[in-house]
Amino acid sequence: ICVNLPKTLTYFVYTVHDEQRMDWHYLAGLFDGEGNIAIISNPKTHSRGVSVMVLSQSEGNGGKELSDAVTVFLRENHILGSHIYIMKAGTDKRGISRQTCYTLRIGNKWDAKTFFDHVRPFCLIKKSQIEKALEFIKILRNHTRPFTEEEQSLILKLHSEKKSQKKIAQRIGCGASKIYRFLKTKKP
């Protein structure tokens, strides 16, 4: 089925069972309509990241089959940080009954970046959100780069003064888990 939008745009509608047609165009359309980008921060660990909800579909709309097909496609394209979350049917806290829902998320920022790089040319609605998320990921690169010599000596100095890893992380400007991994490699 071919749906014509404004004169320059054409979208193709595929069925879930048409697996050979699963491509980045299709995924971009799903993400543009159903997806969500969240900038997340964990105050306990001082870590920050990007979470991408690729799609969320109820069981009645073929949610399981679609989530599985998209997951297989993402893994074939080396995006391994995706996971399907299942919200069981029932009644929520507000007393509203709901169907079983399948939500596919990408939690790893580098997998999110790869995903964005592939779908960005085909997205219309979320293009500006993708640009902002990519900017944020670029800023986050600070937290995944190796420590400089100066930072390493400061970390070791603060650690020898019995400062907590959380305090050291706050002083350096990274997550406590990164400090822990660094100190673990420096122990005799």
N, C-alpha and C. Protein backbone atom coordinates (compact mmCIF):
# COMPACT_ATOMS: atom_id res chain seq x y z
N ILE A 1 0.86 -1.17 0.00
CA ILE A 1 0.00 0.00 0.00
C ILE A 1 0.90 1.22 0.00
N CYS A 2 0.65 2.18 -0.82
CA CYS A 2 1.43 3.40 -0.90
C CYS A 2 0.53 4.56 -0.52
N VAL A 3 0.95 5.36 0.46
CA VAL A 3 0.17 6.50 0.90
C VAL A 3 0.93 7.76 0.51
N ASN A 4 0.31 8.64 -0.25
CA ASN A 4 0.96 9.89 -0.65
C ASN A 4 0.65 10.98 0.36
N LEU A 5 1.70 11.60 0.87
CA LEU A 5 1.58 12.73 1.78
C LEU A 5 1.89 13.97 0.96
N PRO A 6 2.39 15.06 1.54
CA PRO A 6 2.74 16.21 0.71
C PRO A 6 3.54 15.77 -0.50
N LYS A 7 3.46 16.53 -1.55
CA LYS A 7 3.94 16.12 -2.87
C LYS A 7 5.32 15.47 -2.89
N THR A 8 6.21 15.86 -1.99
CA THR A 8 7.57 15.33 -2.04
C THR A 8 7.75 14.06 -1.21
N LEU A 9 6.75 13.68 -0.44
CA LEU A 9 6.91 12.55 0.48
C LEU A 9 6.03 11.37 0.08
N THR A 10 6.59 10.18 0.19
CA THR A 10 5.83 8.96 -0.04
C THR A 10 6.20 7.97 1.05
N TYR A 11 5.21 7.42 1.72
CA TYR A 11 5.47 6.41 2.73
C TYR A 11 4.90 5.08 2.27
N PHE A 12 5.58 4.02 2.59
CA PHE A 12 5.08 2.69 2.28
C PHE A 12 4.63 2.04 3.57
N VAL A 13 3.49 1.40 3.54
CA VAL A 13 2.96 0.72 4.71
C VAL A 13 3.21 -0.77 4.51
N TYR A 14 3.93 -1.37 5.44
CA TYR A 14 4.24 -2.79 5.35
C TYR A 14 3.48 -3.56 6.40
N THR A 15 3.35 -4.84 6.18
CA THR A 15 2.75 -5.68 7.21
C THR A 15 3.85 -6.28 8.05
N VAL A 16 3.50 -6.70 9.26
CA VAL A 16 4.47 -7.32 10.15
C VAL A 16 5.04 -8.59 9.54
N HIS A 17 4.22 -9.29 8.80
CA HIS A 17 4.64 -10.59 8.26
C HIS A 17 5.55 -10.44 7.04
N ASP A 18 5.68 -9.24 6.53
CA ASP A 18 6.51 -9.00 5.35
C ASP A 18 7.94 -8.71 5.80
N GLU A 19 8.57 -9.71 6.46
CA GLU A 19 9.86 -9.50 7.12
C GLU A 19 10.97 -9.06 6.18
N GLN A 20 10.94 -9.50 4.94
CA GLN A 20 12.01 -9.10 4.04
C GLN A 20 11.95 -7.60 3.75
N ARG A 21 10.83 -6.94 4.05
CA ARG A 21 10.70 -5.51 3.80
C ARG A 21 11.05 -4.67 5.04
N MET A 22 11.38 -5.29 6.17
CA MET A 22 11.76 -4.54 7.36
C MET A 22 13.06 -3.80 7.06
N ASP A 23 13.00 -2.50 7.10
CA ASP A 23 14.19 -1.70 6.83
C ASP A 23 14.15 -0.43 7.68
N TRP A 24 15.13 0.45 7.48
CA TRP A 24 15.22 1.66 8.29
C TRP A 24 14.09 2.63 7.98
N HIS A 25 13.56 2.61 6.75
CA HIS A 25 12.42 3.47 6.41
C HIS A 25 11.23 3.09 7.27
N TYR A 26 10.94 1.81 7.32
CA TYR A 26 9.80 1.30 8.08
C TYR A 26 9.97 1.61 9.56
N LEU A 27 11.16 1.35 10.07
CA LEU A 27 11.45 1.58 11.48
C LEU A 27 11.36 3.06 11.83
N ALA A 28 11.81 3.92 10.93
CA ALA A 28 11.71 5.37 11.15
C ALA A 28 10.24 5.79 11.23
N GLY A 29 9.40 5.21 10.38
CA GLY A 29 7.98 5.53 10.43
C GLY A 29 7.35 5.09 11.73
N LEU A 30 7.70 3.88 12.18
CA LEU A 30 7.20 3.40 13.47
C LEU A 30 7.64 4.31 14.60
N PHE A 31 8.93 4.64 14.59
CA PHE A 31 9.49 5.47 15.65
C PHE A 31 8.89 6.87 15.62
N ASP A 32 8.72 7.43 14.43
CA ASP A 32 8.15 8.77 14.30
C ASP A 32 6.74 8.82 14.88
N GLY A 33 5.98 7.75 14.69
CA GLY A 33 4.60 7.72 15.18
C GLY A 33 4.44 7.23 16.59
N GLU A 34 5.21 6.23 16.98
CA GLU A 34 5.03 5.57 18.27
C GLU A 34 6.15 5.82 19.27
N GLY A 35 7.28 6.30 18.80
CA GLY A 35 8.47 6.36 19.63
C GLY A 35 8.53 7.52 20.59
N ASN A 36 9.60 7.50 21.40
CA ASN A 36 9.81 8.51 22.41
C ASN A 36 11.29 8.55 22.74
N ILE A 37 11.82 9.74 22.98
CA ILE A 37 13.21 9.91 23.39
C ILE A 37 13.20 10.52 24.78
N ALA A 38 13.95 9.94 25.70
CA ALA A 38 14.02 10.47 27.06
C ALA A 38 15.48 10.66 27.46
N ILE A 39 15.78 11.83 27.98
CA ILE A 39 17.09 12.08 28.56
C ILE A 39 16.92 11.71 30.03
N ILE A 40 17.72 10.75 30.48
CA ILE A 40 17.53 10.24 31.84
C ILE A 40 18.73 10.57 32.72
N SER A 41 18.47 10.67 34.00
CA SER A 41 19.52 10.93 34.97
C SER A 41 19.21 10.14 36.22
N ASN A 42 20.22 9.48 36.75
CA ASN A 42 20.06 8.72 37.98
C ASN A 42 20.79 9.45 39.10
N PRO A 43 20.06 10.10 40.01
CA PRO A 43 20.72 10.87 41.06
C PRO A 43 21.55 10.01 42.03
N LYS A 44 21.22 8.74 42.15
CA LYS A 44 21.98 7.87 43.07
C LYS A 44 23.37 7.58 42.55
N THR A 45 23.50 7.35 41.25
CA THR A 45 24.81 7.01 40.68
C THR A 45 25.43 8.16 39.91
N HIS A 46 24.71 9.27 39.81
CA HIS A 46 25.17 10.44 39.05
C HIS A 46 25.42 10.08 37.58
N SER A 47 24.70 9.10 37.08
CA SER A 47 24.87 8.74 35.67
C SER A 47 23.76 9.38 34.84
N ARG A 48 24.07 9.63 33.59
CA ARG A 48 23.11 10.22 32.67
C ARG A 48 23.11 9.41 31.39
N GLY A 49 22.00 9.45 30.69
CA GLY A 49 21.95 8.70 29.45
C GLY A 49 20.75 9.07 28.61
N VAL A 50 20.59 8.31 27.57
CA VAL A 50 19.48 8.51 26.65
C VAL A 50 18.74 7.19 26.55
N SER A 51 17.43 7.24 26.73
CA SER A 51 16.61 6.06 26.57
C SER A 51 15.69 6.29 25.38
N VAL A 52 15.63 5.33 24.49
CA VAL A 52 14.80 5.46 23.29
C VAL A 52 13.72 4.40 23.34
N MET A 53 12.45 4.85 23.38
CA MET A 53 11.35 3.91 23.26
C MET A 53 11.04 3.84 21.77
N VAL A 54 11.38 2.74 21.15
CA VAL A 54 11.19 2.60 19.71
C VAL A 54 9.71 2.46 19.40
N LEU A 55 9.02 1.62 20.13
CA LEU A 55 7.59 1.45 19.90
C LEU A 55 6.95 0.84 21.13
N SER A 56 5.66 1.04 21.22
CA SER A 56 4.87 0.44 22.29
C SER A 56 3.53 0.06 21.68
N GLN A 57 3.25 -1.23 21.63
CA GLN A 57 2.04 -1.73 20.97
C GLN A 57 1.32 -2.70 21.88
N SER A 58 0.00 -2.64 21.84
CA SER A 58 -0.78 -3.60 22.62
C SER A 58 -0.81 -4.94 21.88
N GLU A 59 -1.16 -5.96 22.62
CA GLU A 59 -1.21 -7.31 22.06
C GLU A 59 -2.22 -7.39 20.92
N GLY A 60 -3.32 -6.66 21.05
CA GLY A 60 -4.36 -6.68 20.02
C GLY A 60 -3.89 -6.08 18.70
N ASN A 61 -2.87 -5.23 18.74
CA ASN A 61 -2.33 -4.62 17.52
C ASN A 61 -1.10 -5.34 17.01
N GLY A 62 -0.88 -6.57 17.43
CA GLY A 62 0.28 -7.34 16.98
C GLY A 62 1.57 -6.89 17.64
N GLY A 63 1.47 -6.41 18.87
CA GLY A 63 2.62 -5.88 19.58
C GLY A 63 3.77 -6.85 19.75
N LYS A 64 3.48 -8.11 20.10
CA LYS A 64 4.55 -9.08 20.32
C LYS A 64 5.28 -9.39 19.02
N GLU A 65 4.53 -9.67 17.96
CA GLU A 65 5.15 -10.01 16.68
C GLU A 65 5.98 -8.84 16.15
N LEU A 66 5.43 -7.64 16.26
CA LEU A 66 6.13 -6.46 15.76
C LEU A 66 7.39 -6.19 16.58
N SER A 67 7.28 -6.26 17.91
CA SER A 67 8.45 -6.04 18.77
C SER A 67 9.54 -7.06 18.48
N ASP A 68 9.14 -8.32 18.30
CA ASP A 68 10.11 -9.37 18.00
C ASP A 68 10.80 -9.11 16.66
N ALA A 69 10.02 -8.73 15.64
CA ALA A 69 10.59 -8.48 14.30
C ALA A 69 11.55 -7.30 14.34
N VAL A 70 11.20 -6.24 15.07
CA VAL A 70 12.07 -5.07 15.16
C VAL A 70 13.34 -5.42 15.93
N THR A 71 13.20 -6.19 17.01
CA THR A 71 14.37 -6.60 17.79
C THR A 71 15.34 -7.40 16.94
N VAL A 72 14.83 -8.34 16.16
CA VAL A 72 15.68 -9.14 15.28
C VAL A 72 16.39 -8.22 14.28
N PHE A 73 15.66 -7.28 13.71
CA PHE A 73 16.25 -6.34 12.75
C PHE A 73 17.36 -5.50 13.40
N LEU A 74 17.10 -5.00 14.61
CA LEU A 74 18.10 -4.19 15.31
C LEU A 74 19.35 -5.01 15.63
N ARG A 75 19.15 -6.24 16.06
CA ARG A 75 20.31 -7.08 16.40
C ARG A 75 21.11 -7.44 15.15
N GLU A 76 20.43 -7.65 14.04
CA GLU A 76 21.13 -7.92 12.78
C GLU A 76 21.97 -6.71 12.35
N ASN A 77 21.56 -5.52 12.80
CA ASN A 77 22.28 -4.30 12.48
C ASN A 77 23.15 -3.83 13.65
N HIS A 78 23.51 -4.76 14.50
CA HIS A 78 24.48 -4.57 15.59
C HIS A 78 24.03 -3.55 16.64
N ILE A 79 22.74 -3.43 16.85
CA ILE A 79 22.21 -2.64 17.96
C ILE A 79 21.72 -3.64 18.99
N LEU A 80 22.61 -3.94 19.93
CA LEU A 80 22.36 -5.05 20.85
C LEU A 80 21.73 -4.60 22.17
N GLY A 81 21.68 -3.29 22.42
CA GLY A 81 21.18 -2.80 23.70
C GLY A 81 19.68 -2.58 23.74
N SER A 82 18.93 -3.33 22.94
CA SER A 82 17.47 -3.17 22.96
C SER A 82 16.86 -4.27 23.80
N HIS A 83 15.72 -3.96 24.40
CA HIS A 83 15.05 -4.93 25.26
C HIS A 83 13.54 -4.71 25.17
N ILE A 84 12.78 -5.78 25.17
CA ILE A 84 11.32 -5.69 25.14
C ILE A 84 10.80 -5.79 26.57
N TYR A 85 10.05 -4.79 27.00
CA TYR A 85 9.40 -4.80 28.31
C TYR A 85 7.94 -5.14 28.10
N ILE A 86 7.42 -6.02 28.93
CA ILE A 86 6.03 -6.46 28.79
C ILE A 86 5.24 -5.96 29.99
N MET A 87 4.20 -5.16 29.71
CA MET A 87 3.29 -4.73 30.77
C MET A 87 2.07 -5.63 30.65
N LYS A 88 1.84 -6.42 31.67
CA LYS A 88 0.76 -7.40 31.65
C LYS A 88 -0.61 -6.73 31.65
N ALA A 89 -1.58 -7.43 31.09
CA ALA A 89 -2.96 -6.95 31.09
C ALA A 89 -3.46 -6.91 32.53
N GLY A 90 -4.33 -6.00 32.77
CA GLY A 90 -4.90 -5.90 34.10
C GLY A 90 -5.42 -4.50 34.34
N THR A 91 -5.55 -4.15 35.59
CA THR A 91 -6.04 -2.84 35.98
C THR A 91 -4.90 -2.07 36.62
N ASP A 92 -4.68 -0.84 36.17
CA ASP A 92 -3.59 -0.05 36.75
C ASP A 92 -4.04 0.63 38.04
N LYS A 93 -3.20 1.46 38.62
CA LYS A 93 -3.47 2.10 39.92
C LYS A 93 -4.70 3.00 39.87
N ARG A 94 -5.01 3.52 38.70
CA ARG A 94 -6.16 4.42 38.57
C ARG A 94 -7.47 3.67 38.32
N GLY A 95 -7.38 2.35 38.23
CA GLY A 95 -8.58 1.55 37.98
C GLY A 95 -8.92 1.38 36.52
N ILE A 96 -8.00 1.75 35.63
CA ILE A 96 -8.24 1.63 34.20
C ILE A 96 -7.69 0.29 33.73
N SER A 97 -8.55 -0.48 33.04
CA SER A 97 -8.07 -1.78 32.55
C SER A 97 -7.31 -1.57 31.24
N ARG A 98 -6.30 -2.39 31.04
CA ARG A 98 -5.48 -2.26 29.84
C ARG A 98 -5.10 -3.64 29.32
N GLN A 99 -4.76 -3.68 28.02
CA GLN A 99 -4.30 -4.91 27.40
C GLN A 99 -2.81 -5.09 27.69
N THR A 100 -2.33 -6.29 27.43
CA THR A 100 -0.89 -6.52 27.52
C THR A 100 -0.21 -5.64 26.49
N CYS A 101 0.87 -4.96 26.90
CA CYS A 101 1.55 -4.02 26.02
C CYS A 101 3.02 -4.40 25.92
N TYR A 102 3.57 -4.35 24.72
CA TYR A 102 4.98 -4.66 24.47
C TYR A 102 5.71 -3.36 24.11
N THR A 103 6.72 -3.04 24.89
CA THR A 103 7.48 -1.81 24.67
C THR A 103 8.92 -2.19 24.37
N LEU A 104 9.42 -1.70 23.26
CA LEU A 104 10.81 -1.97 22.87
C LEU A 104 11.63 -0.72 23.16
N ARG A 105 12.64 -0.87 24.01
CA ARG A 105 13.49 0.26 24.40
C ARG A 105 14.94 -0.02 24.04
N ILE A 106 15.68 1.06 23.75
CA ILE A 106 17.13 1.00 23.60
C ILE A 106 17.68 1.86 24.73
N GLY A 107 18.44 1.26 25.63
CA GLY A 107 18.93 1.97 26.80
C GLY A 107 20.38 2.39 26.69
N ASN A 108 21.14 1.80 25.82
CA ASN A 108 22.56 2.10 25.67
C ASN A 108 22.72 3.32 24.78
N LYS A 109 23.44 4.35 25.26
CA LYS A 109 23.53 5.60 24.49
C LYS A 109 24.22 5.43 23.14
N TRP A 110 25.16 4.50 23.04
CA TRP A 110 25.86 4.32 21.76
C TRP A 110 24.98 3.57 20.78
N ASP A 111 24.18 2.64 21.28
CA ASP A 111 23.20 1.98 20.41
C ASP A 111 22.13 2.99 19.99
N ALA A 112 21.75 3.88 20.92
CA ALA A 112 20.78 4.93 20.58
C ALA A 112 21.33 5.82 19.48
N LYS A 113 22.61 6.17 19.58
CA LYS A 113 23.24 7.02 18.55
C LYS A 113 23.21 6.32 17.19
N THR A 114 23.55 5.04 17.16
CA THR A 114 23.53 4.28 15.91
C THR A 114 22.11 4.25 15.35
N PHE A 115 21.13 4.01 16.22
CA PHE A 115 19.72 4.00 15.80
C PHE A 115 19.34 5.35 15.20
N PHE A 116 19.68 6.43 15.91
CA PHE A 116 19.35 7.78 15.43
C PHE A 116 20.01 8.07 14.08
N ASP A 117 21.26 7.67 13.94
CA ASP A 117 21.96 7.91 12.68
C ASP A 117 21.26 7.24 11.50
N HIS A 118 20.65 6.07 11.76
CA HIS A 118 19.96 5.35 10.68
C HIS A 118 18.57 5.92 10.38
N VAL A 119 17.82 6.32 11.42
CA VAL A 119 16.44 6.75 11.18
C VAL A 119 16.29 8.25 10.94
N ARG A 120 17.29 9.04 11.31
CA ARG A 120 17.18 10.51 11.19
C ARG A 120 16.80 10.98 9.79
N PRO A 121 17.39 10.44 8.73
CA PRO A 121 17.02 10.96 7.40
C PRO A 121 15.55 10.73 7.03
N PHE A 122 14.89 9.77 7.67
CA PHE A 122 13.54 9.40 7.29
C PHE A 122 12.48 9.92 8.25
N CYS A 123 12.88 10.49 9.40
CA CYS A 123 11.91 10.99 10.38
C CYS A 123 11.50 12.41 10.03
N LEU A 124 10.25 12.71 10.26
CA LEU A 124 9.72 14.05 10.05
C LEU A 124 9.38 14.71 11.38
N ILE A 125 8.62 14.03 12.19
CA ILE A 125 8.09 14.60 13.42
C ILE A 125 9.16 14.73 14.49
N LYS A 126 9.99 13.74 14.65
CA LYS A 126 10.96 13.71 15.74
C LYS A 126 12.37 14.14 15.32
N LYS A 127 12.52 14.73 14.16
CA LYS A 127 13.84 15.12 13.67
C LYS A 127 14.56 16.06 14.64
N SER A 128 13.88 17.08 15.17
CA SER A 128 14.53 18.03 16.08
C SER A 128 14.87 17.35 17.41
N GLN A 129 14.01 16.43 17.87
CA GLN A 129 14.31 15.70 19.11
C GLN A 129 15.54 14.81 18.92
N ILE A 130 15.65 14.20 17.76
CA ILE A 130 16.82 13.36 17.47
C ILE A 130 18.08 14.21 17.48
N GLU A 131 18.02 15.39 16.87
CA GLU A 131 19.19 16.29 16.85
C GLU A 131 19.61 16.65 18.27
N LYS A 132 18.65 16.97 19.13
CA LYS A 132 18.96 17.32 20.53
C LYS A 132 19.55 16.13 21.27
N ALA A 133 19.00 14.94 21.03
CA ALA A 133 19.53 13.74 21.69
C ALA A 133 20.95 13.45 21.24
N LEU A 134 21.22 13.61 19.95
CA LEU A 134 22.58 13.39 19.44
C LEU A 134 23.56 14.40 20.03
N GLU A 135 23.11 15.64 20.21
CA GLU A 135 23.94 16.65 20.86
C GLU A 135 24.26 16.24 22.30
N PHE A 136 23.23 15.75 22.99
CA PHE A 136 23.40 15.31 24.37
C PHE A 136 24.37 14.13 24.46
N ILE A 137 24.25 13.20 23.54
CA ILE A 137 25.15 12.04 23.52
C ILE A 137 26.59 12.51 23.30
N LYS A 138 26.76 13.51 22.46
CA LYS A 138 28.10 14.06 22.21
C LYS A 138 28.67 14.64 23.51
N ILE A 139 27.83 15.33 24.28
CA ILE A 139 28.26 15.88 25.57
C ILE A 139 28.59 14.74 26.54
N LEU A 140 27.79 13.69 26.51
CA LEU A 140 28.01 12.55 27.41
C LEU A 140 29.32 11.83 27.13
N ARG A 141 29.86 12.01 25.95
CA ARG A 141 31.11 11.35 25.60
C ARG A 141 32.17 11.64 26.65
N ASN A 142 32.05 12.79 27.31
CA ASN A 142 32.95 13.15 28.40
C ASN A 142 33.04 12.05 29.45
N HIS A 143 31.92 11.41 29.70
CA HIS A 143 31.85 10.42 30.78
C HIS A 143 32.37 9.06 30.36
N THR A 144 32.58 8.87 29.08
CA THR A 144 33.07 7.57 28.63
C THR A 144 34.51 7.65 28.15
N ARG A 145 35.05 8.85 28.09
CA ARG A 145 36.45 8.99 27.68
C ARG A 145 37.36 8.57 28.82
N PRO A 146 38.59 8.19 28.54
CA PRO A 146 39.53 7.85 29.61
C PRO A 146 39.86 9.09 30.43
N PHE A 147 40.21 8.88 31.69
CA PHE A 147 40.62 9.99 32.54
C PHE A 147 41.96 10.54 32.06
N THR A 148 42.12 11.86 32.19
CA THR A 148 43.40 12.47 31.87
C THR A 148 44.38 12.16 33.00
N GLU A 149 45.65 12.39 32.78
CA GLU A 149 46.67 12.17 33.82
C GLU A 149 46.34 12.97 35.07
N GLU A 150 45.93 14.21 34.86
CA GLU A 150 45.56 15.09 35.96
C GLU A 150 44.41 14.51 36.78
N GLU A 151 43.37 14.05 36.08
CA GLU A 151 42.21 13.46 36.75
C GLU A 151 42.59 12.19 37.49
N GLN A 152 43.43 11.35 36.88
CA GLN A 152 43.86 10.12 37.53
C GLN A 152 44.58 10.41 38.84
N SER A 153 45.50 11.37 38.82
CA SER A 153 46.23 11.68 40.05
C SER A 153 45.30 12.27 41.10
N LEU A 154 44.33 13.10 40.69
CA LEU A 154 43.37 13.65 41.64
C LEU A 154 42.50 12.55 42.25
N ILE A 155 42.06 11.61 41.43
CA ILE A 155 41.24 10.50 41.94
C ILE A 155 42.03 9.69 42.96
N LEU A 156 43.26 9.35 42.63
CA LEU A 156 44.09 8.57 43.56
C LEU A 156 44.37 9.34 44.85
N LYS A 157 44.58 10.64 44.74
CA LYS A 157 44.82 11.48 45.92
C LYS A 157 43.59 11.51 46.81
N LEU A 158 42.42 11.77 46.21
CA LEU A 158 41.18 11.82 46.99
C LEU A 158 40.85 10.47 47.60
N HIS A 159 41.13 9.39 46.85
CA HIS A 159 40.88 8.05 47.38
C HIS A 159 41.79 7.75 48.57
N SER A 160 43.05 8.18 48.49
CA SER A 160 43.98 7.97 49.61
C SER A 160 43.56 8.79 50.84
N GLU A 161 42.82 9.88 50.61
CA GLU A 161 42.30 10.69 51.72
C GLU A 161 40.99 10.14 52.25
N LYS A 162 40.61 8.93 51.79
CA LYS A 162 39.41 8.22 52.23
C LYS A 162 38.10 8.93 51.85
N LYS A 163 38.13 9.66 50.73
CA LYS A 163 36.89 10.26 50.22
C LYS A 163 36.07 9.16 49.57
N SER A 164 34.76 9.27 49.65
CA SER A 164 33.89 8.26 49.05
C SER A 164 33.95 8.37 47.52
N GLN A 165 33.64 7.26 46.87
CA GLN A 165 33.64 7.25 45.41
C GLN A 165 32.61 8.23 44.86
N LYS A 166 31.51 8.39 45.58
CA LYS A 166 30.47 9.33 45.17
C LYS A 166 31.01 10.76 45.19
N LYS A 167 31.73 11.12 46.26
CA LYS A 167 32.30 12.47 46.37
C LYS A 167 33.37 12.70 45.30
N ILE A 168 34.18 11.68 45.04
CA ILE A 168 35.21 11.79 44.00
C ILE A 168 34.54 12.00 42.65
N ALA A 169 33.48 11.24 42.38
CA ALA A 169 32.76 11.35 41.11
C ALA A 169 32.18 12.75 40.94
N GLN A 170 31.62 13.30 42.01
CA GLN A 170 31.07 14.65 41.94
C GLN A 170 32.16 15.66 41.63
N ARG A 171 33.30 15.48 42.24
CA ARG A 171 34.43 16.42 42.03
C ARG A 171 34.97 16.33 40.60
N ILE A 172 35.05 15.12 40.06
CA ILE A 172 35.58 14.92 38.71
C ILE A 172 34.52 15.25 37.66
N GLY A 173 33.25 14.98 37.98
CA GLY A 173 32.17 15.23 37.02
C GLY A 173 31.83 14.01 36.19
N CYS A 174 31.78 12.86 36.84
CA CYS A 174 31.41 11.63 36.13
C CYS A 174 30.60 10.76 37.08
N GLY A 175 30.28 9.56 36.66
CA GLY A 175 29.52 8.64 37.49
C GLY A 175 30.41 7.89 38.48
N ALA A 176 29.82 7.51 39.63
CA ALA A 176 30.56 6.79 40.65
C ALA A 176 31.05 5.43 40.15
N SER A 177 30.29 4.81 39.24
CA SER A 177 30.69 3.50 38.73
C SER A 177 31.98 3.60 37.90
N LYS A 178 32.18 4.73 37.23
CA LYS A 178 33.41 4.93 36.46
C LYS A 178 34.61 5.06 37.41
N ILE A 179 34.41 5.74 38.53
CA ILE A 179 35.46 5.86 39.55
C ILE A 179 35.78 4.48 40.11
N TYR A 180 34.73 3.70 40.40
CA TYR A 180 34.91 2.35 40.95
C TYR A 180 35.74 1.50 39.98
N ARG A 181 35.38 1.52 38.69
CA ARG A 181 36.12 0.71 37.71
C ARG A 181 37.57 1.17 37.59
N PHE A 182 37.80 2.46 37.65
CA PHE A 182 39.17 2.98 37.57
C PHE A 182 39.98 2.54 38.79
N LEU A 183 39.42 2.67 39.98
CA LEU A 183 40.13 2.30 41.20
C LEU A 183 40.39 0.79 41.25
N LYS A 184 39.48 0.02 40.71
CA LYS A 184 39.63 -1.43 40.69
C LYS A 184 40.85 -1.83 39.85
N THR A 185 41.11 -1.09 38.76
CA THR A 185 42.26 -1.41 37.92
C THR A 185 43.57 -0.94 38.54
N LYS A 186 43.50 0.00 39.47
CA LYS A 186 44.73 0.57 40.08
C LYS A 186 45.12 -0.11 41.38
N LYS A 187 44.28 -1.00 41.89
CA LYS A 187 44.63 -1.69 43.15
C LYS A 187 45.73 -2.72 42.90
N PRO A 188 46.67 -2.82 43.87
CA PRO A 188 47.79 -3.77 43.71
C PRO A 188 47.36 -5.22 43.76
